[in-house]
Amino acid sequence: METVEVNSKNVNKIRCYDPAIEDLRSKDEGLETESSVEQSKVEDLVHEEYRRFKSNLTLLGNEDTQAASLIVNYGIMCSVEYQEKGDLQYKVWFIASNIFRPKEFTVLNRDFHVAFLKKGLRHLGESYECLDASQPWLCYWILHSLELLDEPLADDQISDVAQFLKKCQQPDGGFGGGPYQYAHLAPTEALLSFLWRMRTAEGAFKMHDGGEVDIRGAYCAASVARLTNIITKDLFDGTLEWIVSCQTYEGGFAGCPGMEAHGGYSFCGIAALTLLGHAKLCNIESLLRWTVNRQMSYEGGFQGRTNKLVDGCYSFWQGGAFPLIHMVLSMEDDQSLSAERWMFNQEALQEYILICCQHQGGGLIDKPGKQRDYYHTCYCISGLSVAQHFAGGKLSHVYVVGKSSNEIKPTHPVFNIGIEAVVHANIFAKMCKLIEKFNGIPNSPSF
């Protein structure tokens, strides 16, 4: 058998190509627990994905097509040398080390993901029946993913989505999880009256009539109010204090006071405080310490809570908190703050997403062995965007693992929608305010 090998001299290695990465695997120090066993299983799955990825650099075959493929697809120059071992002759390809970069094999399968996403706009399998009350969420997960992948929709597709969402709007304000369903704060572009109805006396927000009260409600309410320019001091009276009371002794935010810190709730907490203009009210250093320690040393992705497993969706829920934390610390003139990078390993996160979370048929997943879905596709891609893009404008820095074509569009760090969408929403909201003023409708005091 002929073996095509990589001459690794002076090769620009990535994390999983470095043997030292195995030293980062978790150690139970002889005290095995259920959690340590599950962690070891996940690390084994990730290790297999890394092994499969590295095997792409040692190609087996009987012809010279492998080298031709490298030259055509990657522009990698190859030279051949014959070696003999006993009675066998081996053909060994040496790849020019000054040109070869293993990172070039790390590819975002954009076309497959786009096809998976567009299929979901028209048809969902029966496995999605459990998400019948999350239909606007499915629209968001799909549309936002396509936005970041820079895949435009046809006018008729846009119209169809808009008409469907219109059917989800309730006459008394707010959007339901589907046509003829109760209005719910999570999928809503709510009217002011609906937000007031969801508000509690202490300044928190219910998710729906008779529903649970948690920090998601505060974030959704602040996000909707800010985007539609209906945010007022009275509406959010007491909200800041209630959000801060959700920060735990660990540093992250819980869903409500007294509960456990959680990645999704932490993002909602710091993002809501940012929207309300008072992110400094929380213990930002404690939040930073907790969030930094949620990035897994071996896998490179994030876990949602202490002592839990890596999950692709936290690529955004945890990773997306870093731009907000960075902004708060920069306002405090922290001299140790980088002007080029977020405070987590951006390359490690990209490697986890690209190597371990891409489903071969399109879409992204929680971790190796899991099924693809639109939720994880959205938040893996959103996390990839955060990991690629630092800041904006003159401070912008882009870090792309793999081919340059892997770069996707930046996402807004607070709303997690396209930057242009935020700009358009603000312009539209201001126009509505001008029309109200022209018609003599008084404005409420705003933040």
Protein backbone atom coordinates (compact mmCIF):
# COMPACT_ATOMS: atom_id res chain seq x y z
CA MET A 1 0.00 0.00 0.00
CA GLU A 2 1.23 3.47 -0.84
CA THR A 3 1.16 5.98 1.99
CA VAL A 4 0.90 9.72 1.55
CA GLU A 5 2.45 11.31 4.61
CA VAL A 6 2.90 14.84 5.83
CA ASN A 7 6.38 16.14 6.48
CA SER A 8 5.67 17.79 9.81
CA LYS A 9 8.87 19.80 10.05
CA ASN A 10 8.02 23.43 10.81
CA VAL A 11 4.29 22.68 10.42
CA ASN A 12 2.01 25.31 11.91
CA LYS A 13 0.10 23.07 14.30
CA ILE A 14 -3.36 23.60 15.70
CA ARG A 15 -4.43 22.47 19.18
CA CYS A 16 -5.64 18.99 18.36
CA TYR A 17 -2.52 18.29 16.30
CA ASP A 18 -0.34 18.92 19.35
CA PRO A 19 0.21 15.72 21.41
CA ALA A 20 0.36 17.86 24.55
CA ILE A 21 -3.39 18.43 24.30
CA GLU A 22 -3.92 14.98 25.81
CA ASP A 23 -2.50 16.34 29.06
CA LEU A 24 -5.57 18.59 29.26
CA ARG A 25 -8.01 15.71 29.66
CA SER A 26 -9.86 15.69 32.98
CA LYS A 27 -8.44 13.66 35.86
CA ASP A 28 -10.62 12.24 38.64
CA GLU A 29 -7.58 11.60 40.87
CA GLY A 30 -8.87 8.13 41.68
CA LEU A 31 -12.24 9.41 42.91
CA GLU A 32 -14.57 8.29 40.16
CA THR A 33 -18.03 9.88 40.10
CA GLU A 34 -20.97 9.75 37.74
CA SER A 35 -19.97 13.18 36.46
CA SER A 36 -16.34 12.18 35.87
CA VAL A 37 -17.43 9.08 33.98
CA GLU A 38 -19.70 11.13 31.68
CA GLN A 39 -16.95 13.72 31.19
CA SER A 40 -14.51 10.98 30.19
CA LYS A 41 -17.02 9.58 27.68
CA VAL A 42 -17.42 12.99 26.04
CA GLU A 43 -13.67 13.51 25.91
CA ASP A 44 -13.34 10.12 24.21
CA LEU A 45 -15.87 11.22 21.57
CA VAL A 46 -14.03 14.50 21.03
CA HIS A 47 -10.71 12.64 20.88
CA GLU A 48 -12.12 10.45 18.10
CA GLU A 49 -13.20 13.53 16.14
CA TYR A 50 -9.72 15.02 16.56
CA ARG A 51 -8.16 11.70 15.48
CA ARG A 52 -10.37 11.60 12.39
CA PHE A 53 -9.45 15.17 11.57
CA LYS A 54 -5.72 14.46 11.93
CA SER A 55 -6.05 11.35 9.78
CA ASN A 56 -6.89 13.65 6.87
CA LEU A 57 -3.25 14.63 6.94
CA THR A 58 -2.10 11.02 6.44
CA LEU A 59 -3.84 9.88 3.30
CA LEU A 60 -3.99 6.27 2.13
CA GLY A 61 -4.51 5.05 -1.42
CA ASN A 62 -3.05 3.29 -4.45
CA GLU A 63 -2.92 6.26 -6.81
CA ASP A 64 -1.59 9.77 -6.91
CA THR A 65 -5.03 11.40 -6.74
CA GLN A 66 -4.58 12.41 -3.10
CA ALA A 67 -1.71 14.73 -3.92
CA ALA A 68 -3.57 16.09 -6.92
CA SER A 69 -6.54 16.80 -4.65
CA LEU A 70 -4.33 18.68 -2.21
CA ILE A 71 -2.93 20.80 -5.03
CA VAL A 72 -6.32 21.51 -6.65
CA ASN A 73 -8.38 22.10 -3.49
CA TYR A 74 -5.84 23.67 -1.17
CA GLY A 75 -3.02 24.97 -3.36
CA ILE A 76 -0.57 22.80 -1.45
CA MET A 77 2.64 21.96 -3.29
CA CYS A 78 3.79 18.33 -3.06
CA SER A 79 6.98 16.51 -3.91
CA VAL A 80 7.48 12.74 -4.11
CA GLU A 81 10.25 10.53 -2.84
CA TYR A 82 10.60 6.74 -3.05
CA GLN A 83 11.64 4.76 0.00
CA GLU A 84 12.30 1.06 0.38
CA LYS A 85 11.66 -1.13 3.43
CA GLY A 86 12.69 -4.72 2.83
CA ASP A 87 11.06 -5.93 -0.37
CA LEU A 88 8.44 -3.16 -0.38
CA GLN A 89 8.72 0.19 -2.06
CA TYR A 90 6.82 3.15 -0.58
CA LYS A 91 5.89 6.37 -2.34
CA VAL A 92 5.99 9.19 0.22
CA TRP A 93 4.60 12.63 -0.56
CA PHE A 94 6.25 15.55 1.19
CA ILE A 95 4.21 18.70 1.43
CA ALA A 96 6.14 21.95 1.36
CA SER A 97 6.22 23.02 4.99
CA ASN A 98 6.40 26.71 4.18
CA ILE A 99 3.08 26.46 2.34
CA PHE A 100 1.17 23.76 4.21
CA ARG A 101 -1.07 24.74 7.10
CA PRO A 102 -3.19 22.07 8.83
CA LYS A 103 -5.74 24.78 9.55
CA GLU A 104 -6.63 24.78 5.86
CA PHE A 105 -8.29 21.41 6.34
CA THR A 106 -10.71 22.90 8.86
CA VAL A 107 -13.64 23.83 6.63
CA LEU A 108 -17.05 25.30 7.42
CA ASN A 109 -19.45 23.21 5.33
CA ARG A 110 -21.45 26.27 4.41
CA ASP A 111 -23.46 24.82 1.50
CA PHE A 112 -24.66 21.84 3.54
CA HIS A 113 -25.72 24.08 6.42
CA VAL A 114 -27.58 26.45 4.10
CA ALA A 115 -29.46 23.55 2.49
CA PHE A 116 -30.44 22.19 5.92
CA LEU A 117 -31.63 25.60 7.08
CA LYS A 118 -33.64 26.42 3.96
CA LYS A 119 -35.33 23.04 4.09
CA GLY A 120 -36.52 23.89 7.61
CA LEU A 121 -38.28 27.02 6.38
CA ARG A 122 -40.61 24.86 4.28
CA HIS A 123 -40.81 21.54 6.04
CA LEU A 124 -40.07 20.18 9.53
CA GLY A 125 -40.03 16.51 10.40
CA GLU A 126 -42.27 14.97 13.05
CA SER A 127 -39.44 15.17 15.59
CA TYR A 128 -40.13 18.92 15.77
CA GLU A 129 -43.70 18.38 16.94
CA CYS A 130 -42.52 18.99 20.53
CA LEU A 131 -41.59 22.54 19.47
CA ASP A 132 -45.09 23.45 18.30
CA ALA A 133 -45.12 26.30 20.84
CA SER A 134 -41.75 27.58 19.58
CA GLN A 135 -42.53 28.27 15.94
CA PRO A 136 -41.30 31.91 15.94
CA TRP A 137 -38.13 30.65 17.62
CA LEU A 138 -37.61 28.20 14.77
CA CYS A 139 -37.98 31.10 12.33
CA TYR A 140 -35.38 33.07 14.27
CA TRP A 141 -32.90 30.19 14.59
CA ILE A 142 -33.08 29.52 10.86
CA LEU A 143 -33.13 33.12 9.63
CA HIS A 144 -30.34 34.29 11.93
CA SER A 145 -28.13 31.37 10.89
CA LEU A 146 -28.69 32.20 7.22
CA GLU A 147 -27.94 35.86 7.95
CA LEU A 148 -24.56 35.03 9.52
CA LEU A 149 -23.76 32.65 6.66
CA ASP A 150 -24.50 35.57 4.30
CA GLU A 151 -27.19 33.62 2.49
CA PRO A 152 -29.96 35.94 1.25
CA LEU A 153 -33.58 34.88 0.97
CA ALA A 154 -35.79 35.46 -2.05
CA ASP A 155 -38.51 38.09 -1.71
CA ASP A 156 -41.25 35.48 -1.73
CA GLN A 157 -39.55 33.59 1.12
CA ILE A 158 -39.30 36.79 3.16
CA SER A 159 -42.96 37.54 2.51
CA ASP A 160 -44.01 34.03 3.53
CA VAL A 161 -42.13 34.26 6.84
CA ALA A 162 -43.61 37.69 7.57
CA GLN A 163 -47.13 36.48 6.82
CA PHE A 164 -46.66 33.47 9.08
CA LEU A 165 -45.38 35.59 11.97
CA LYS A 166 -48.33 37.92 11.52
CA LYS A 167 -50.62 34.95 12.21
CA CYS A 168 -48.78 34.42 15.52
CA GLN A 169 -49.55 37.95 16.78
CA GLN A 170 -52.36 38.22 19.28
CA PRO A 171 -54.96 41.03 19.24
CA ASP A 172 -54.16 42.00 22.85
CA GLY A 173 -50.41 42.39 22.22
CA GLY A 174 -47.48 40.06 21.90
CA PHE A 175 -46.73 37.03 19.78
CA GLY A 176 -47.61 33.46 20.61
CA GLY A 177 -45.58 30.32 20.02
CA GLY A 178 -47.72 29.69 16.92
CA PRO A 179 -51.01 30.78 15.35
CA TYR A 180 -53.86 30.97 17.91
CA GLN A 181 -51.52 30.30 20.84
CA TYR A 182 -51.13 32.39 24.01
CA ALA A 183 -48.84 35.41 23.67
CA HIS A 184 -45.43 34.68 25.19
CA LEU A 185 -42.58 37.04 25.98
CA ALA A 186 -39.82 34.91 24.43
CA PRO A 187 -41.10 35.03 20.81
CA THR A 188 -42.71 38.48 20.98
CA GLU A 189 -42.29 41.83 19.30
CA ALA A 190 -44.60 42.95 22.04
CA LEU A 191 -46.72 46.02 22.38
CA LEU A 192 -46.12 48.18 25.42
CA SER A 193 -49.37 47.05 27.00
CA PHE A 194 -48.27 43.42 26.81
CA LEU A 195 -44.95 44.21 28.49
CA TRP A 196 -46.78 45.98 31.30
CA ARG A 197 -49.01 42.96 31.73
CA MET A 198 -46.00 40.66 32.04
CA ARG A 199 -44.26 42.92 34.58
CA THR A 200 -44.30 41.96 38.28
CA ALA A 201 -44.40 44.36 41.21
CA GLU A 202 -40.70 43.83 41.93
CA GLY A 203 -39.63 44.66 38.37
CA ALA A 204 -39.20 41.12 37.03
CA PHE A 205 -41.13 39.79 34.04
CA LYS A 206 -43.32 36.74 33.52
CA MET A 207 -42.78 34.75 30.33
CA HIS A 208 -46.55 34.66 29.68
CA ASP A 209 -49.87 35.07 31.49
CA GLY A 210 -49.67 32.83 34.55
CA GLY A 211 -46.15 31.77 33.50
CA GLU A 212 -42.78 31.50 35.20
CA VAL A 213 -40.75 34.51 36.27
CA ASP A 214 -37.06 34.33 35.45
CA ILE A 215 -34.21 36.39 34.06
CA ARG A 216 -35.07 35.46 30.46
CA GLY A 217 -38.18 37.59 30.82
CA ALA A 218 -36.16 40.63 31.87
CA TYR A 219 -33.82 40.21 28.90
CA CYS A 220 -36.62 39.63 26.38
CA ALA A 221 -38.56 42.63 27.69
CA ALA A 222 -35.50 44.92 27.62
CA SER A 223 -34.50 43.66 24.17
CA VAL A 224 -37.95 44.18 22.66
CA ALA A 225 -38.38 47.56 24.34
CA ARG A 226 -34.98 48.79 23.17
CA LEU A 227 -35.39 47.58 19.57
CA THR A 228 -38.88 49.11 19.28
CA ASN A 229 -37.90 52.28 21.17
CA ILE A 230 -40.64 51.91 23.80
CA ILE A 231 -38.29 51.53 26.77
CA THR A 232 -39.27 53.68 29.77
CA LYS A 233 -38.08 54.15 33.34
CA ASP A 234 -41.46 53.24 34.78
CA LEU A 235 -41.62 49.96 32.85
CA PHE A 236 -38.27 48.85 34.24
CA ASP A 237 -38.56 50.30 37.71
CA GLY A 238 -36.86 47.81 40.04
CA THR A 239 -35.68 45.58 37.17
CA LEU A 240 -32.00 46.43 37.60
CA GLU A 241 -32.04 45.50 41.27
CA TRP A 242 -33.92 42.27 40.58
CA ILE A 243 -31.42 41.22 37.88
CA VAL A 244 -28.45 41.92 40.15
CA SER A 245 -30.06 39.78 42.87
CA CYS A 246 -29.83 36.83 40.44
CA GLN A 247 -26.02 36.92 40.40
CA THR A 248 -24.72 33.99 42.46
CA TYR A 249 -21.75 33.47 44.74
CA GLU A 250 -20.01 31.74 41.78
CA GLY A 251 -20.21 34.88 39.67
CA GLY A 252 -22.67 33.82 36.99
CA PHE A 253 -26.38 34.63 36.91
CA ALA A 254 -29.17 32.25 37.84
CA GLY A 255 -32.68 32.17 36.42
CA CYS A 256 -33.98 33.74 39.62
CA PRO A 257 -32.52 34.62 43.04
CA GLY A 258 -31.13 31.67 45.00
CA MET A 259 -30.70 29.27 42.07
CA GLU A 260 -27.58 27.94 40.28
CA ALA A 261 -25.48 30.02 37.86
CA HIS A 262 -26.16 29.03 34.24
CA GLY A 263 -24.70 30.12 30.91
CA GLY A 264 -27.95 31.07 29.23
CA TYR A 265 -29.23 32.98 32.23
CA SER A 266 -25.85 34.70 32.67
CA PHE A 267 -25.97 36.03 29.12
CA CYS A 268 -29.52 37.25 29.69
CA GLY A 269 -28.43 38.95 32.92
CA ILE A 270 -25.42 40.87 31.62
CA ALA A 271 -27.17 41.65 28.31
CA ALA A 272 -30.28 43.00 30.06
CA LEU A 273 -28.15 45.19 32.33
CA THR A 274 -26.31 46.44 29.23
CA LEU A 275 -29.59 47.26 27.47
CA LEU A 276 -30.75 49.17 30.52
CA GLY A 277 -27.45 51.07 30.67
CA HIS A 278 -26.22 49.80 34.05
CA ALA A 279 -23.98 46.77 33.46
CA LYS A 280 -21.57 48.04 36.13
CA LEU A 281 -24.11 47.26 38.86
CA CYS A 282 -23.14 43.58 38.85
CA ASN A 283 -19.83 42.15 40.04
CA ILE A 284 -18.20 42.10 36.61
CA GLU A 285 -14.89 40.59 37.80
CA SER A 286 -16.71 37.70 39.43
CA LEU A 287 -18.79 37.16 36.29
CA LEU A 288 -15.62 37.17 34.17
CA ARG A 289 -13.90 34.61 36.42
CA TRP A 290 -16.91 32.27 36.29
CA THR A 291 -17.40 32.60 32.52
CA VAL A 292 -13.73 32.10 31.67
CA ASN A 293 -13.70 28.86 33.66
CA ARG A 294 -16.60 27.44 31.68
CA GLN A 295 -14.39 26.93 28.61
CA MET A 296 -13.32 23.30 28.58
CA SER A 297 -9.56 22.78 28.52
CA TYR A 298 -9.58 19.70 26.28
CA GLU A 299 -12.65 20.17 24.11
CA GLY A 300 -12.28 23.92 23.54
CA GLY A 301 -16.04 24.52 23.73
CA PHE A 302 -18.05 25.77 26.70
CA GLN A 303 -20.10 24.05 29.40
CA GLY A 304 -23.28 25.68 30.69
CA ARG A 305 -22.73 25.15 34.40
CA THR A 306 -20.01 24.08 36.79
CA ASN A 307 -19.24 20.35 36.54
CA LYS A 308 -21.36 19.88 33.40
CA LEU A 309 -20.52 18.68 29.89
CA VAL A 310 -19.50 20.72 26.87
CA ASP A 311 -22.39 21.81 24.64
CA GLY A 312 -22.19 23.61 21.32
CA CYS A 313 -25.02 26.03 22.14
CA TYR A 314 -22.92 27.60 24.90
CA SER A 315 -20.50 28.72 22.21
CA PHE A 316 -22.79 31.73 22.14
CA TRP A 317 -24.45 31.78 25.57
CA GLN A 318 -21.04 31.79 27.28
CA GLY A 319 -18.87 33.10 24.45
CA GLY A 320 -21.31 35.91 23.70
CA ALA A 321 -20.91 37.31 27.21
CA PHE A 322 -17.25 38.22 26.63
CA PRO A 323 -17.87 41.21 24.32
CA LEU A 324 -20.28 42.63 26.95
CA ILE A 325 -17.84 42.03 29.82
CA HIS A 326 -15.08 43.55 27.68
CA MET A 327 -17.17 46.66 27.12
CA VAL A 328 -17.81 47.16 30.83
CA LEU A 329 -14.14 46.71 31.75
CA SER A 330 -13.05 49.07 28.96
CA MET A 331 -15.27 51.80 30.45
CA GLU A 332 -13.42 51.29 33.72
CA ASP A 333 -10.13 51.96 31.86
CA ASP A 334 -8.70 48.55 32.74
CA GLN A 335 -5.10 48.76 31.49
CA SER A 336 -4.68 45.00 31.34
CA LEU A 337 -7.49 44.67 28.81
CA SER A 338 -6.49 43.53 25.32
CA ALA A 339 -7.32 45.79 22.41
CA GLU A 340 -7.22 42.87 19.99
CA ARG A 341 -8.82 39.79 21.55
CA TRP A 342 -11.67 38.63 23.76
CA MET A 343 -10.76 37.03 27.06
CA PHE A 344 -11.19 33.42 26.00
CA ASN A 345 -9.43 31.07 23.58
CA GLN A 346 -11.12 32.05 20.35
CA GLU A 347 -9.24 29.55 18.20
CA ALA A 348 -10.04 26.63 20.52
CA LEU A 349 -13.75 27.40 20.33
CA GLN A 350 -13.63 27.61 16.53
CA GLU A 351 -11.85 24.25 16.36
CA TYR A 352 -14.48 22.61 18.58
CA ILE A 353 -17.32 23.96 16.43
CA LEU A 354 -15.70 23.14 13.08
CA ILE A 355 -14.23 19.74 13.96
CA CYS A 356 -16.72 18.37 16.49
CA CYS A 357 -20.07 20.09 15.88
CA GLN A 358 -20.67 19.94 12.13
CA HIS A 359 -23.16 17.29 11.02
CA GLN A 360 -22.10 15.67 7.77
CA GLY A 361 -25.53 16.32 6.26
CA GLY A 362 -25.63 19.97 7.28
CA GLY A 363 -26.57 21.66 10.53
CA LEU A 364 -24.63 21.74 13.79
CA ILE A 365 -24.86 19.75 16.99
CA ASP A 366 -24.40 19.82 20.76
CA LYS A 367 -21.43 17.42 20.84
CA PRO A 368 -20.22 14.37 18.89
CA GLY A 369 -22.89 11.67 18.81
CA LYS A 370 -25.85 14.06 19.07
CA GLN A 371 -28.45 14.86 16.42
CA ARG A 372 -28.53 18.11 14.48
CA ASP A 373 -31.25 20.68 15.14
CA TYR A 374 -31.93 24.31 14.38
CA TYR A 375 -31.36 25.52 17.94
CA HIS A 376 -27.79 24.21 18.10
CA THR A 377 -27.15 25.25 14.51
CA CYS A 378 -28.06 28.83 15.37
CA TYR A 379 -26.04 29.14 18.55
CA CYS A 380 -22.99 27.24 17.25
CA ILE A 381 -22.87 29.60 14.27
CA SER A 382 -23.47 32.61 16.54
CA GLY A 383 -20.61 31.47 18.79
CA LEU A 384 -18.39 30.98 15.76
CA SER A 385 -19.12 34.57 14.77
CA VAL A 386 -18.15 35.87 18.22
CA ALA A 387 -14.94 33.82 18.14
CA GLN A 388 -14.00 35.18 14.71
CA HIS A 389 -14.75 38.87 15.24
CA PHE A 390 -13.25 41.16 17.84
CA ALA A 391 -14.98 44.53 18.27
CA GLY A 392 -15.85 46.64 15.25
CA GLY A 393 -14.84 49.70 13.30
CA LYS A 394 -11.21 50.75 13.75
CA LEU A 395 -10.73 48.25 16.59
CA SER A 396 -11.90 45.32 14.50
CA HIS A 397 -9.75 42.19 14.39
CA VAL A 398 -10.73 39.00 12.61
CA TYR A 399 -9.41 35.56 13.57
CA VAL A 400 -10.48 32.74 11.28
CA VAL A 401 -9.46 29.15 11.90
CA GLY A 402 -9.25 27.26 8.62
CA LYS A 403 -9.76 28.59 5.14
CA SER A 404 -10.51 32.29 4.75
CA SER A 405 -13.89 31.32 3.32
CA ASN A 406 -14.83 30.09 6.82
CA GLU A 407 -15.39 33.69 7.88
CA ILE A 408 -19.02 34.51 8.62
CA LYS A 409 -20.72 37.82 9.34
CA PRO A 410 -20.48 39.45 12.78
CA THR A 411 -23.47 39.28 15.11
CA HIS A 412 -24.68 42.02 17.41
CA PRO A 413 -23.28 41.19 20.89
CA VAL A 414 -26.43 42.19 22.81
CA PHE A 415 -29.32 41.17 20.54
CA ASN A 416 -27.64 38.34 18.62
CA ILE A 417 -29.10 39.47 15.34
CA GLY A 418 -27.38 40.96 12.31
CA ILE A 419 -25.76 44.36 12.75
CA GLU A 420 -27.75 45.81 9.86
CA ALA A 421 -31.00 44.50 11.35
CA VAL A 422 -30.34 46.45 14.56
CA VAL A 423 -29.66 49.62 12.59
CA HIS A 424 -32.86 49.19 10.54
CA ALA A 425 -34.91 48.47 13.67
CA ASN A 426 -33.64 51.65 15.35
CA ILE A 427 -34.42 53.75 12.27
CA PHE A 428 -37.92 52.28 12.03
CA ALA A 429 -38.59 52.83 15.74
CA LYS A 430 -37.45 56.44 15.55
CA MET A 431 -39.71 57.05 12.57
CA CYS A 432 -42.65 55.65 14.54
CA LYS A 433 -41.84 58.00 17.43
CA LEU A 434 -41.77 60.97 15.07
CA ILE A 435 -45.17 59.98 13.70
CA GLU A 436 -46.55 59.69 17.24
CA LYS A 437 -45.14 63.12 18.10
CA PHE A 438 -46.68 64.57 14.94
CA ASN A 439 -50.04 63.08 15.99
CA GLY A 440 -49.74 64.59 19.46
CA ILE A 441 -49.07 61.37 21.38
CA PRO A 442 -46.96 62.18 24.50
CA ASN A 443 -43.70 60.31 25.16
CA SER A 444 -42.97 58.54 28.44
CA PRO A 445 -39.67 59.19 30.27
CA SER A 446 -37.04 56.87 28.76
CA PHE A 447 -33.67 55.51 29.81
